[in-house]
Protein backbone atom coordinates (compact mmCIF):
# COMPACT_ATOMS: atom_id res chain seq x y z
CA MET A 1 -27.60 -16.59 33.45
CA TYR A 2 -29.59 -19.75 34.04
CA LEU A 3 -31.15 -22.58 32.05
CA ARG A 4 -34.88 -22.32 31.35
CA LYS A 5 -36.78 -25.54 30.68
CA SER A 6 -40.06 -24.98 28.83
CA LYS A 7 -42.46 -27.92 28.44
CA LYS A 8 -44.43 -27.72 25.22
CA LYS A 9 -47.98 -29.02 24.60
CA ASN A 10 -46.59 -32.07 22.82
CA GLY A 11 -44.62 -33.00 25.96
CA ARG A 12 -41.18 -32.05 24.58
CA VAL A 13 -38.87 -29.87 26.69
CA TYR A 14 -37.23 -26.86 25.04
CA LEU A 15 -34.06 -25.33 26.53
CA THR A 16 -32.97 -21.69 26.46
CA ILE A 17 -30.26 -19.74 28.26
CA VAL A 18 -31.87 -16.77 30.01
CA GLU A 19 -30.45 -13.73 31.75
CA GLY A 20 -32.14 -11.92 34.62
CA TYR A 21 -32.00 -8.13 34.98
CA ARG A 22 -33.87 -5.18 36.50
CA ASP A 23 -35.64 -2.63 34.31
CA GLU A 24 -35.63 1.13 34.93
CA ARG A 25 -38.45 0.75 37.48
CA GLY A 26 -36.45 -1.84 39.44
CA LYS A 27 -38.72 -4.71 38.39
CA ASN A 28 -37.13 -8.14 37.88
CA MET A 29 -37.16 -9.09 34.21
CA SER A 30 -35.56 -11.77 32.02
CA ARG A 31 -34.37 -11.99 28.43
CA THR A 32 -33.31 -14.86 26.22
CA ILE A 33 -29.59 -15.00 25.54
CA GLU A 34 -29.55 -18.14 23.39
CA SER A 35 -32.19 -20.59 22.16
CA LEU A 36 -30.70 -24.08 22.40
CA GLY A 37 -33.22 -26.71 21.27
CA TYR A 38 -35.20 -29.73 22.41
CA VAL A 39 -33.89 -32.16 25.03
CA ASP A 40 -34.65 -35.25 22.95
CA ASP A 41 -32.78 -33.80 19.93
CA PHE A 42 -29.65 -33.35 22.04
CA GLN A 43 -30.01 -36.89 23.41
CA ARG A 44 -30.09 -38.25 19.86
CA GLN A 45 -26.91 -36.25 19.16
CA GLY A 46 -25.11 -38.09 21.98
CA ILE A 47 -25.62 -35.74 24.96
CA SER A 48 -27.08 -38.12 27.57
CA ASP A 49 -28.16 -35.43 30.06
CA PRO A 50 -28.69 -32.14 28.18
CA ILE A 51 -30.09 -30.34 31.22
CA ALA A 52 -26.98 -31.04 33.33
CA HIS A 53 -24.72 -30.26 30.35
CA PHE A 54 -26.21 -26.81 29.70
CA THR A 55 -26.57 -26.02 33.41
CA GLU A 56 -22.80 -26.40 33.63
CA GLU A 57 -22.42 -24.22 30.53
CA CYS A 58 -24.43 -21.47 32.25
CA ALA A 59 -22.20 -21.78 35.31
CA ARG A 60 -19.08 -21.45 33.12
CA ARG A 61 -20.45 -18.35 31.42
CA ASN A 62 -21.36 -16.77 34.74
CA GLU A 63 -17.89 -17.46 36.07
CA ARG A 64 -16.32 -16.00 32.92
CA ARG A 65 -18.47 -12.88 33.26
CA ARG A 66 -17.53 -12.49 36.92
CA SER A 67 -13.85 -12.82 36.09
CA GLU A 68 -14.15 -10.26 33.30
CA THR A 69 -15.98 -7.70 35.42
CA ALA A 70 -14.19 -8.25 38.73
CA PRO A 71 -11.53 -5.65 39.56
CA VAL A 72 -7.96 -6.71 38.79
CA ILE A 73 -5.86 -6.46 41.93
CA VAL A 74 -2.12 -6.42 41.38
CA LYS A 75 0.34 -6.19 44.24
CA ILE A 76 3.67 -4.57 43.33
CA PRO A 77 6.25 -4.25 46.11
CA PRO A 78 7.42 -0.61 46.32
CA ARG A 79 11.07 -1.69 46.07
CA GLN A 80 10.56 -4.03 43.11
CA LYS A 81 12.96 -3.18 40.27
CA ILE A 82 12.51 -3.39 36.54
CA ASP A 83 13.94 -6.57 35.08
CA LYS A 84 16.33 -5.51 32.30
CA ARG A 85 16.40 -9.06 30.94
CA ASP A 86 12.63 -9.35 30.57
CA SER A 87 12.10 -9.43 26.77
CA GLU A 88 8.34 -9.88 27.21
CA ALA A 89 7.61 -6.94 29.50
CA GLN A 90 5.47 -5.41 26.73
CA ILE A 91 3.11 -6.67 24.06
CA GLU A 92 2.09 -4.94 20.80
CA LEU A 93 -1.62 -5.58 20.40
CA GLY A 94 -1.85 -3.37 17.31
CA ALA A 95 -0.50 -6.44 15.50
CA ALA A 96 -3.98 -7.97 15.87
CA VAL A 97 -5.33 -5.42 13.38
CA VAL A 98 -2.65 -6.15 10.76
CA ASP A 99 -3.06 -9.88 11.37
CA GLY A 100 -6.79 -9.55 10.80
CA TYR A 101 -6.27 -7.95 7.39
CA LEU A 102 -3.63 -10.51 6.40
CA ASN A 103 -6.07 -13.32 7.11
CA ARG A 104 -9.57 -11.95 6.48
CA ASP A 105 -8.89 -9.73 3.48
CA LEU A 106 -5.75 -11.18 1.92
CA GLY A 107 -6.51 -14.82 2.83
CA LEU A 108 -2.85 -15.56 3.58
CA LEU A 109 -3.42 -18.00 6.44
CA ASP A 110 -5.59 -20.08 4.13
CA PHE A 111 -2.88 -19.93 1.44
CA PHE A 112 -0.26 -21.42 3.75
CA GLU A 113 -2.59 -23.88 5.48
CA ARG A 114 -3.49 -25.45 2.14
CA ARG A 115 0.19 -26.07 1.51
CA ARG A 116 1.05 -27.30 5.00
CA THR A 117 1.48 -30.96 4.09
CA ALA A 118 3.53 -30.17 0.98
CA ARG A 119 6.08 -27.86 2.53
CA LYS A 120 9.43 -29.33 3.42
CA VAL A 121 10.50 -26.82 6.07
CA SER A 122 10.38 -27.35 9.82
CA PHE A 123 9.02 -23.87 10.61
CA ASP A 124 5.71 -22.19 9.80
CA PRO A 125 6.40 -19.58 7.07
CA TYR A 126 3.14 -17.78 7.85
CA ARG A 127 4.31 -17.11 11.42
CA VAL A 128 7.42 -15.50 9.97
CA LEU A 129 5.41 -13.53 7.41
CA GLU A 130 2.94 -12.04 9.88
CA LEU A 131 5.81 -10.92 12.14
CA LEU A 132 7.69 -9.30 9.24
CA VAL A 133 4.61 -7.54 7.82
CA TRP A 134 3.70 -6.24 11.30
CA ASP A 135 7.24 -4.97 11.81
CA ARG A 136 7.19 -3.31 8.38
CA THR A 137 3.85 -1.63 9.14
CA ALA A 138 4.53 -0.42 12.68
CA HIS A 139 8.25 0.26 13.07
CA PRO A 140 10.26 -0.80 9.99
CA SER A 141 13.57 -2.47 10.78
CA SER A 142 15.82 -5.21 9.43
CA LYS A 143 14.71 -8.85 9.38
CA LYS A 144 17.11 -9.45 12.24
CA GLY A 145 15.63 -6.51 14.14
CA ALA A 146 12.10 -7.85 13.65
CA TRP A 147 13.16 -11.29 14.91
CA GLU A 148 14.84 -9.79 17.96
CA ARG A 149 11.59 -7.95 18.81
CA ARG A 150 9.48 -11.10 18.43
CA GLY A 151 8.82 -11.17 22.19
CA LEU A 152 6.54 -8.14 21.75
CA PHE A 153 4.46 -9.87 19.08
CA PRO A 154 1.20 -11.18 20.66
CA ARG A 155 1.63 -14.64 19.19
CA LYS A 156 4.39 -17.15 19.80
CA CYS A 157 7.19 -17.00 17.24
CA PRO A 158 8.84 -20.43 17.53
CA PHE A 159 11.41 -19.95 14.78
CA SER A 160 15.08 -19.03 14.68
CA LEU A 161 16.81 -16.17 12.88
CA ASP A 162 18.04 -18.68 10.30
CA ASP A 163 14.43 -19.80 9.81
CA THR A 164 13.52 -16.17 9.17
CA TYR A 165 15.97 -15.95 6.29
CA ARG A 166 14.91 -19.38 4.98
CA ALA A 167 11.35 -18.10 4.97
CA LEU A 168 12.40 -15.25 2.66
CA THR A 169 13.50 -17.79 0.06
CA TYR A 170 10.25 -19.73 0.55
CA LEU A 171 8.18 -16.56 0.06
CA GLU A 172 10.12 -15.40 -3.01
CA GLU A 173 9.52 -18.72 -4.75
CA ARG A 174 5.76 -18.24 -4.29
CA ALA A 175 5.53 -14.48 -4.79
CA ARG A 176 3.45 -14.66 -7.96
CA GLU A 177 1.03 -17.17 -6.42
CA LEU A 178 0.72 -15.02 -3.31
CA VAL A 179 -0.18 -11.85 -5.21
CA LEU A 180 -2.83 -13.65 -7.29
CA HIS A 181 -4.25 -15.27 -4.15
CA MET A 182 -4.38 -11.91 -2.36
CA ASN A 183 -6.33 -10.33 -5.22
CA GLU A 184 -8.83 -13.19 -5.32
CA SER A 185 -9.27 -13.05 -1.53
CA ILE A 186 -9.87 -9.28 -1.53
CA GLU A 187 -12.64 -9.74 -4.08
CA ARG A 188 -14.23 -12.54 -2.05
CA ALA A 189 -14.10 -10.45 1.12
CA ARG A 190 -15.05 -7.07 -0.34
CA GLY A 191 -16.67 -7.65 -3.71
CA PRO A 192 -15.40 -7.01 -7.25
CA ARG A 193 -12.60 -4.50 -7.64
CA ASP A 194 -12.74 -1.68 -10.14
CA ALA A 195 -9.89 -2.62 -12.47
CA THR A 196 -11.30 -0.81 -15.51
CA ARG A 197 -8.70 1.87 -14.84
CA LEU A 198 -5.19 0.85 -13.79
CA TYR A 199 -2.59 3.35 -12.62
CA TYR A 200 1.02 2.46 -13.31
CA ASP A 201 4.31 4.07 -12.43
CA VAL A 202 7.92 3.11 -11.74
CA THR A 203 10.33 3.96 -8.97
CA ASN A 204 13.69 2.61 -7.93
CA TYR A 205 15.62 1.80 -4.78
CA TYR A 206 19.34 2.32 -4.40
CA PHE A 207 21.71 -0.04 -2.60
CA GLU A 208 24.83 0.98 -0.74
CA VAL A 209 27.06 -1.38 -2.69
CA GLU A 210 29.63 -0.63 -5.36
CA ASP A 211 29.44 -3.62 -7.69
CA GLU A 212 26.60 -4.70 -9.93
CA ASP A 213 25.31 -8.26 -9.66
CA GLY A 214 22.86 -8.59 -12.57
CA PHE A 215 19.89 -7.44 -10.49
CA ARG A 216 21.26 -4.44 -8.63
CA MET A 217 22.50 -2.46 -11.60
CA HIS A 218 23.45 1.11 -12.41
CA GLY A 219 20.61 3.07 -13.97
CA VAL A 220 18.79 6.40 -13.83
CA SER A 221 18.23 6.91 -10.10
CA LYS A 222 15.17 8.86 -8.99
CA GLU A 223 17.29 10.21 -6.13
CA ASN A 224 20.29 11.06 -8.31
CA ARG A 225 22.43 8.38 -6.65
CA ARG A 226 25.36 6.72 -8.34
CA SER A 227 24.79 3.42 -6.52
CA PRO A 228 23.27 0.32 -8.18
CA ILE A 229 19.46 0.33 -8.13
CA VAL A 230 16.48 -2.00 -8.54
CA GLN A 231 13.35 -0.90 -10.42
CA MET A 232 9.79 -1.45 -9.15
CA GLY A 233 6.67 -1.04 -11.28
CA LEU A 234 3.39 -0.73 -9.38
CA PHE A 235 -0.27 -1.08 -10.46
CA LEU A 236 -3.15 0.45 -8.51
CA ASP A 237 -6.84 -0.16 -9.22
CA ALA A 238 -9.32 2.68 -9.74
CA ASP A 239 -9.82 2.98 -5.96
CA GLY A 240 -6.09 3.33 -5.28
CA ILE A 241 -5.64 -0.18 -3.84
CA PRO A 242 -2.46 -1.95 -5.05
CA LEU A 243 -3.23 -4.64 -7.62
CA ASP A 244 0.21 -5.93 -8.60
CA TYR A 245 3.87 -5.07 -8.82
CA ALA A 246 6.94 -6.15 -10.78
CA LEU A 247 10.67 -5.89 -10.12
CA PHE A 248 13.35 -5.21 -12.74
CA PRO A 249 17.14 -4.85 -12.81
CA GLY A 250 18.25 -1.28 -12.29
CA ASN A 251 19.47 -0.83 -15.87
CA VAL A 252 15.97 -1.41 -17.35
CA PRO A 253 14.53 1.97 -18.44
CA ASP A 254 11.14 2.99 -17.03
CA VAL A 255 9.57 2.95 -20.47
CA SER A 256 10.51 -0.71 -20.96
CA THR A 257 8.80 -1.97 -17.80
CA LEU A 258 5.11 -1.54 -18.66
CA VAL A 259 4.69 -4.39 -21.14
CA PRO A 260 6.38 -7.09 -18.99
CA ALA A 261 4.55 -5.75 -15.91
CA MET A 262 1.24 -6.12 -17.78
CA ASP A 263 2.25 -9.66 -18.76
CA GLU A 264 2.78 -10.54 -15.10
CA ALA A 265 -0.36 -8.83 -13.84
CA GLY A 266 -2.60 -10.10 -16.61
CA MET A 267 -5.78 -8.35 -17.72
CA ARG A 268 -9.31 -9.59 -17.21
CA ASP A 269 -10.91 -11.30 -20.15
CA GLY A 270 -13.74 -9.31 -21.68
CA GLU A 271 -13.05 -6.20 -19.57
CA HIS A 272 -11.77 -3.01 -21.17
CA VAL A 273 -8.88 -1.80 -19.04
CA VAL A 274 -7.46 1.71 -19.38
CA VAL A 275 -3.84 2.07 -18.28
CA VAL A 276 -3.06 5.53 -16.85
CA ALA A 277 0.59 6.56 -16.73
CA ASP A 278 2.92 9.56 -16.89
CA LYS A 279 4.85 10.76 -19.91
CA GLY A 280 7.80 8.51 -19.06
CA LEU A 281 5.70 5.53 -20.19
CA ASN A 282 4.39 7.23 -23.35
CA ALA A 283 6.11 5.10 -25.99
CA SER A 284 5.09 3.39 -29.19
CA ALA A 285 5.53 -0.14 -27.79
CA ASN A 286 3.37 0.59 -24.74
CA ILE A 287 0.62 2.25 -26.76
CA ALA A 288 0.64 -0.58 -29.31
CA ARG A 289 0.40 -3.19 -26.56
CA CYS A 290 -2.59 -1.50 -24.93
CA VAL A 291 -4.45 -1.09 -28.21
CA LEU A 292 -3.65 -4.54 -29.62
CA ASP A 293 -4.99 -6.08 -26.40
CA ARG A 294 -8.22 -4.13 -27.02
CA ASN A 295 -7.56 -2.14 -23.91
CA GLY A 296 -6.87 1.57 -23.66
CA PHE A 297 -4.42 4.14 -22.33
CA ILE A 298 -4.28 7.64 -20.91
CA PHE A 299 -0.73 8.99 -21.02
CA SER A 300 0.58 12.48 -20.48
CA GLN A 301 2.47 14.02 -23.39
CA SER A 302 5.48 16.29 -23.00
CA VAL A 303 4.76 19.70 -24.51
CA ARG A 304 8.37 20.92 -24.49
CA GLY A 305 9.53 17.75 -26.24
CA ALA A 306 6.63 17.55 -28.71
CA ASP A 307 6.77 18.30 -32.42
CA ALA A 308 6.10 21.81 -33.68
CA GLY A 309 2.50 21.02 -34.64
CA LEU A 310 1.50 19.84 -31.16
CA LYS A 311 3.40 22.68 -29.48
CA GLY A 312 1.67 25.27 -31.63
CA TRP A 313 -1.76 23.79 -30.95
CA VAL A 314 -1.24 23.62 -27.19
CA LEU A 315 0.13 27.18 -26.92
CA SER A 316 -2.49 28.70 -29.21
CA GLU A 317 -5.36 30.36 -27.35
CA ARG A 318 -7.76 29.22 -30.04
CA GLY A 319 -10.29 26.63 -28.82
CA TYR A 320 -9.65 26.89 -25.08
CA ALA A 321 -12.70 27.00 -22.81
CA PRO A 322 -11.80 28.72 -19.51
CA ASN A 323 -13.68 28.28 -16.26
CA GLU A 324 -15.47 31.18 -14.60
CA GLY A 325 -12.59 32.10 -12.32
CA GLY A 326 -9.98 31.86 -15.04
CA THR A 327 -7.94 29.41 -12.99
CA TYR A 328 -7.80 26.84 -15.77
CA LYS A 329 -8.71 26.28 -19.41
CA ILE A 330 -9.11 23.18 -21.53
CA LYS A 331 -9.52 22.07 -25.13
CA SER A 332 -9.26 18.83 -27.12
CA ARG A 333 -9.03 17.50 -30.65
CA GLN A 334 -9.12 14.21 -32.53
CA ALA A 335 -5.81 13.09 -34.02
CA GLU A 336 -3.81 10.07 -35.09
CA LYS A 337 -0.83 8.49 -33.39
CA ALA A 338 1.78 6.56 -35.35
CA VAL A 339 2.95 3.43 -33.57
CA TYR A 340 5.15 0.58 -34.70
CA VAL A 341 4.07 -3.06 -34.44
CA THR A 342 5.92 -6.23 -35.31
CA GLY A 343 4.06 -8.57 -37.66
CA ALA A 344 4.10 -12.35 -37.84
CA ASP A 345 6.97 -12.09 -40.33
CA GLY A 346 9.08 -10.25 -37.77
CA ARG A 347 9.02 -6.95 -39.65
CA ARG A 348 8.08 -3.68 -37.93
CA ARG A 349 5.30 -1.68 -39.55
CA GLN A 350 3.89 1.74 -38.84
CA VAL A 351 0.23 1.81 -37.89
CA LYS A 352 -1.81 4.92 -37.20
CA ILE A 353 -4.41 4.72 -34.45
CA PRO A 354 -7.12 7.26 -33.60
CA VAL A 355 -6.44 9.20 -30.40
CA LYS A 356 -7.76 12.18 -28.52
CA GLN A 357 -5.44 14.97 -27.38
CA VAL A 358 -6.48 17.10 -24.40
CA ALA A 359 -4.60 20.32 -23.66
CA PHE A 360 -4.94 21.88 -20.23
CA TRP A 361 -3.62 25.04 -18.57
CA SER A 362 -3.74 25.56 -14.83
CA ARG A 363 -2.83 28.70 -12.90
CA ASP A 364 -1.62 26.61 -9.95
CA PHE A 365 0.53 24.49 -12.26
CA ALA A 366 1.96 27.67 -13.84
CA LEU A 367 2.84 29.17 -10.45
CA ARG A 368 4.48 25.91 -9.39
CA SER A 369 6.54 25.82 -12.60
CA GLN A 370 7.65 29.41 -12.04
CA HIS A 371 8.66 28.61 -8.48
CA GLU A 372 10.66 25.54 -9.53
CA ARG A 373 12.38 27.45 -12.33
CA ALA A 374 13.31 30.26 -9.93
CA LYS A 375 15.18 27.73 -7.78
CA VAL A 376 17.10 26.46 -10.84
CA ILE A 377 17.96 30.02 -11.85
CA GLU A 378 19.24 30.72 -8.35
CA LYS A 379 21.43 27.60 -8.44
CA SER A 380 22.75 28.61 -11.86
CA LEU A 381 23.60 32.12 -10.65
CA ARG A 382 25.40 30.78 -7.57
CA SER A 383 27.47 28.44 -9.76
CA LEU A 384 28.43 31.39 -11.97
CA GLU A 385 29.48 33.38 -8.90
CA ARG A 386 31.58 30.49 -7.61
CA GLY A 387 33.14 29.86 -10.99
CA ASP A 388 32.22 26.16 -11.12
CA ALA A 389 29.33 26.41 -13.59
CA GLY A 390 30.88 23.73 -15.79
CA ARG A 391 30.80 21.11 -13.05
CA ALA A 392 27.35 22.22 -11.87
CA PHE A 393 26.00 22.06 -15.44
CA ALA A 394 27.35 18.53 -15.81
CA ARG A 395 25.45 17.55 -12.65
CA SER A 396 22.28 19.21 -14.06
CA SER A 397 22.07 21.49 -11.01
CA ALA A 398 22.82 24.61 -13.09
CA ARG A 399 20.65 24.01 -16.13
CA TYR A 400 20.46 27.69 -17.06
CA ALA A 401 24.24 28.20 -17.18
CA LYS A 402 25.44 28.52 -20.79
CA ALA A 403 28.95 28.05 -22.15
CA THR A 404 30.12 30.40 -24.91
CA PRO A 405 33.45 30.09 -26.79
CA VAL A 406 34.15 33.85 -26.53
CA ASP A 407 35.14 35.60 -23.34
CA PRO A 408 32.64 38.51 -23.01
CA GLU A 409 35.22 40.66 -21.17
CA THR A 410 38.26 40.25 -23.43
CA GLY A 411 36.66 39.02 -26.66
CA GLU A 412 39.19 36.20 -26.72
CA VAL A 413 38.02 33.36 -28.99
CA GLY A 414 38.39 29.79 -27.80
CA LYS A 415 38.14 30.40 -24.07
CA LEU A 416 34.87 29.09 -22.62
CA ALA A 417 32.89 31.60 -20.63
CA TRP A 418 29.78 30.73 -18.64
CA THR A 419 26.79 33.06 -18.60
CA LEU A 420 23.11 32.87 -17.66
CA ASP A 421 21.07 31.46 -20.56
CA GLU A 422 18.30 34.06 -20.75
CA ALA A 423 16.93 32.57 -23.99
CA ALA A 424 16.45 29.13 -22.42
CA ILE A 425 14.69 30.72 -19.45
CA ALA A 426 12.31 32.63 -21.72
CA GLN A 427 11.67 29.52 -23.83
CA ASP A 428 10.78 27.40 -20.80
CA ALA A 429 8.53 30.15 -19.43
CA ARG A 430 6.30 29.83 -22.50
CA TYR A 431 5.15 26.40 -21.31
CA ASP A 432 4.32 27.34 -17.72
CA GLY A 433 1.01 25.80 -16.67
CA TYR A 434 0.46 23.73 -19.83
CA TYR A 435 0.29 20.00 -20.15
CA CYS A 436 -1.18 17.61 -22.66
CA ILE A 437 -2.82 14.20 -22.38
CA ILE A 438 -3.12 11.63 -25.17
CA THR A 439 -5.64 8.81 -24.94
CA SER A 440 -7.22 6.03 -26.92
CA GLU A 441 -10.56 6.81 -25.23
CA VAL A 442 -11.82 9.17 -27.92
CA ASP A 443 -15.40 9.08 -26.61
CA MET A 444 -14.46 9.95 -23.03
CA GLY A 445 -15.21 13.51 -21.91
CA ASP A 446 -12.34 15.97 -21.48
CA GLY A 447 -13.05 16.43 -17.78
CA GLU A 448 -13.23 12.69 -17.20
CA ILE A 449 -9.89 12.19 -18.94
CA ILE A 450 -8.24 14.85 -16.80
CA ASP A 451 -9.79 13.44 -13.61
CA ALA A 452 -8.53 9.96 -14.56
CA TYR A 453 -5.02 11.29 -15.16
CA ARG A 454 -5.03 13.24 -11.89
CA GLY A 455 -5.54 9.93 -10.08
CA LEU A 456 -1.84 9.26 -10.62
CA TRP A 457 -1.18 11.15 -7.37
CA ARG A 458 -2.27 7.99 -5.55
CA ILE A 459 0.57 5.95 -7.01
CA GLU A 460 3.11 8.70 -6.33
CA GLU A 461 1.90 8.79 -2.74
CA SER A 462 2.10 4.99 -2.54
CA PHE A 463 5.78 5.13 -3.45
CA ARG A 464 6.30 7.79 -0.76
CA VAL A 465 4.56 5.53 1.77
CA ILE A 466 6.67 2.51 0.78
CA LYS A 467 9.93 4.46 0.97
CA GLY A 468 8.95 6.55 3.99
CA ASP A 469 6.42 5.05 6.42
CA LEU A 470 7.12 1.42 5.45
CA GLY A 471 10.89 1.94 5.27
CA ALA A 472 11.62 -0.08 2.14
CA ARG A 473 15.15 1.36 2.28
CA PRO A 474 17.72 0.48 3.42
CA VAL A 475 17.39 -3.15 2.34
CA PHE A 476 19.25 -5.34 4.82
CA CYS A 477 19.45 -8.26 2.37
CA SER A 478 22.12 -9.20 -0.12
CA THR A 479 20.91 -12.13 -2.25
CA GLU A 480 18.49 -11.56 -5.12
CA ALA A 481 15.90 -13.94 -3.65
CA HIS A 482 15.94 -12.22 -0.26
CA ILE A 483 15.78 -8.75 -1.85
CA LYS A 484 12.74 -9.80 -3.87
CA ALA A 485 11.11 -11.27 -0.76
CA HIS A 486 11.77 -7.99 1.06
CA PHE A 487 9.85 -6.06 -1.60
CA LEU A 488 7.04 -8.65 -1.48
CA ILE A 489 6.68 -7.94 2.25
CA CYS A 490 6.72 -4.19 1.56
CA TYR A 491 4.00 -4.67 -1.05
CA MET A 492 1.85 -6.69 1.37
CA ALA A 493 2.28 -4.01 4.03
CA LEU A 494 1.22 -1.36 1.49
CA VAL A 495 -1.93 -3.32 0.57
CA VAL A 496 -2.85 -3.70 4.26
CA MET A 497 -2.16 0.00 4.87
CA ARG A 498 -4.42 1.06 1.98
CA LEU A 499 -7.24 -1.23 3.15
CA MET A 500 -6.98 0.13 6.68
CA GLN A 501 -7.09 3.70 5.38
CA LYS A 502 -10.09 2.90 3.20
CA ASP A 503 -12.03 1.31 6.08
CA ALA A 504 -11.21 4.22 8.38
CA GLU A 505 -12.34 6.70 5.74
CA ARG A 506 -15.61 4.84 5.31
CA THR A 507 -16.24 5.07 9.06
CA VAL A 508 -15.11 8.60 9.94
CA GLY A 509 -15.50 10.31 6.56
CA SER A 510 -11.85 11.28 6.01
CA ARG A 511 -8.83 9.19 5.17
CA PRO A 512 -6.10 9.11 7.82
CA SER A 513 -2.52 9.36 6.60
CA ALA A 514 -0.28 6.32 6.59
CA THR A 515 1.75 8.00 9.32
CA ALA A 516 -1.37 8.39 11.49
CA VAL A 517 -2.27 4.72 11.06
CA GLN A 518 1.28 3.66 11.83
CA THR A 519 1.39 5.84 14.96
CA ALA A 520 -1.98 4.54 16.16
CA LEU A 521 -1.10 0.86 15.77
CA SER A 522 2.44 1.06 17.14
CA ASN A 523 1.20 2.76 20.32
CA ILE A 524 -1.29 0.03 21.28
CA VAL A 525 1.24 -1.45 23.66
CA GLY A 526 0.45 -3.44 26.79
CA HIS A 527 2.74 -3.24 29.83
CA ARG A 528 2.91 -6.28 32.02
CA LEU A 529 1.34 -5.87 35.45
CA ASP A 530 1.89 -9.42 36.63
CA GLU A 531 2.24 -12.88 35.11
CA ASN A 532 -1.34 -12.80 33.83
CA HIS A 533 -2.29 -9.20 33.04
CA TRP A 534 -1.36 -6.37 30.69
CA LEU A 535 -2.06 -2.66 31.16
CA PHE A 536 -2.89 -0.55 28.09
CA ASP A 537 -2.83 3.26 28.18
CA TYR A 538 -3.31 4.40 24.56
CA ARG A 539 -6.63 4.89 22.82
CA THR A 540 -7.87 7.20 20.04
CA ASP A 541 -10.83 7.35 17.67
CA LEU A 542 -8.57 5.81 15.03
CA THR A 543 -7.58 2.82 17.20
CA ASP A 544 -11.27 2.25 17.95
CA THR A 545 -12.05 2.32 14.22
CA LEU A 546 -9.22 -0.02 13.27
CA GLY A 547 -10.19 -2.48 15.98
CA GLU A 548 -13.82 -2.47 14.89
CA ALA A 549 -12.72 -3.10 11.29
CA VAL A 550 -11.35 -6.53 12.27
CA GLY A 551 -13.91 -7.19 15.01
CA VAL A 552 -11.74 -6.79 18.12
CA ASP A 553 -12.13 -4.55 21.16
CA LEU A 554 -9.03 -2.40 21.65
CA THR A 555 -10.65 -0.12 24.24
CA ARG A 556 -9.93 -2.18 27.36
CA ARG A 557 -7.39 -0.85 29.88
CA VAL A 558 -6.55 -4.27 31.32
CA LEU A 559 -6.46 -7.60 29.46
CA SER A 560 -5.48 -11.00 30.71
CA LYS A 561 -3.21 -13.33 28.76
CA GLY A 562 -6.24 -15.44 27.95
CA GLN A 563 -8.11 -12.43 26.57
CA VAL A 564 -5.13 -11.49 24.41
CA ARG A 565 -5.03 -15.07 23.10
CA ASP A 566 -8.77 -14.85 22.34
CA ILE A 567 -8.23 -11.62 20.39
CA MET A 568 -5.42 -13.14 18.34
CA ALA A 569 -7.52 -16.26 17.71
CA SER A 570 -10.53 -14.19 16.62
CA VAL A 571 -8.63 -12.36 13.86
CA ARG A 572 -7.77 -15.72 12.31
CA LYS A 573 -11.44 -16.45 11.73
CA THR A 574 -12.82 -15.67 8.28
CA ARG A 575 -14.75 -12.46 7.68
CA SER A 576 -18.49 -12.96 8.20
């Protein structure tokens, strides 16, 4: 590269940085790399000798290019041993991708920078946060474990383990602000989100403690544990990207979480939002809240637990429209739903609202129900053979074992005998393959309603990702504030994971699993060659895609410390 000085007709000198090269015929050519401006304009800006200034700049660029393209020569004595005490022998450059999403899409660096002067802590809470979210995304461990691995993080972590725990308290106090800021930042970076349809569900996390503390409480565990639990409600937008979450004590029933979770999340003014949820959330209070807010709902409706009228309508063949292959059939009807609302006088009144009921039968769903019931029957039979059907029935593992007060062998009255409940099995078999959906969206097409409800798989998968890939359990925290901060970090990691999956899908046409993303990022590890260079030996199409998403090159085999610093600095710049 060299500086070209072009004298114009008006006598002014224009400067450009030019690069020489040879074309395919071997002829010397040149091309403009950067147009700089007029000499006199630079002089007015305070550069006394622009020509000398930009000549030196060309020299610096040429030297940088030579250093980047020159072979890296590392001399390693054949008898040199591995230093067991070297905590910085490796570097995890996959953290640059996660860091890029935290800053560019979630705007978290900006959030903390704006509060820099107001904070009264000696450490930088954002440095702690980016380490903990990276650890949660790549190789989930305890907060102590993440801190101990800080030497692998490609940015200095000048904070103590005590600072790490103090940061949890700092984050928990600002959790609501952080979630709102993240949502606003995502919209600025990516455009408006589709929140006209919100998916909601609840899961819980058990703790290996015996005593309740007001937050970790005994409740209905999804994993059939007897330990205290904490409830988490999660909202996803129509594209499956997390929108908000709420935490509840373990003794709060699932059905009672929707209204307070909606209060925390808030709904957009003037936008009709349809809440989609499973039958566990189908309750009068939740329906009333959605309708009174002039929003809508799509809830599944239990057929087995419905009244006789709804059961008869669902099971009747009349009105069903099957598809050509006979793999499913569907019908709908207009109806009314009685809900109870509390008036200004504090009295509860019954109000009937118009709804649409959609009944659906699926062959796949029927086969799955038959398979699941066969497993319960087998468990019931084994309990009868062992003679412990009473205990198994109490644990709900032998649901089809029935107690009768007459011994079938002796006819003795008063002695309980356990037998297989054939009537219950036949009754349950009637409902194989059927389910029902109730919705306030009476003008929505049947197929659209079913498609909207089917989107709930995304939230079920999100819970699997949080509990599995992101390792939300076990929770190595004991205070309520630290536990809540832990779940905030898990939520942030889930948002980043979903955005990475979405960007990868947009590029390659198919969405990689969370496990694939985690594997790709955690394997982008540099091994130290000498004091100034790192050797990388892992690259896939997915790592290329994830690097491109945040504007960094993860394809290089060798990077200097300076180049790693440049990469980490680049992901802190705002998205263009």
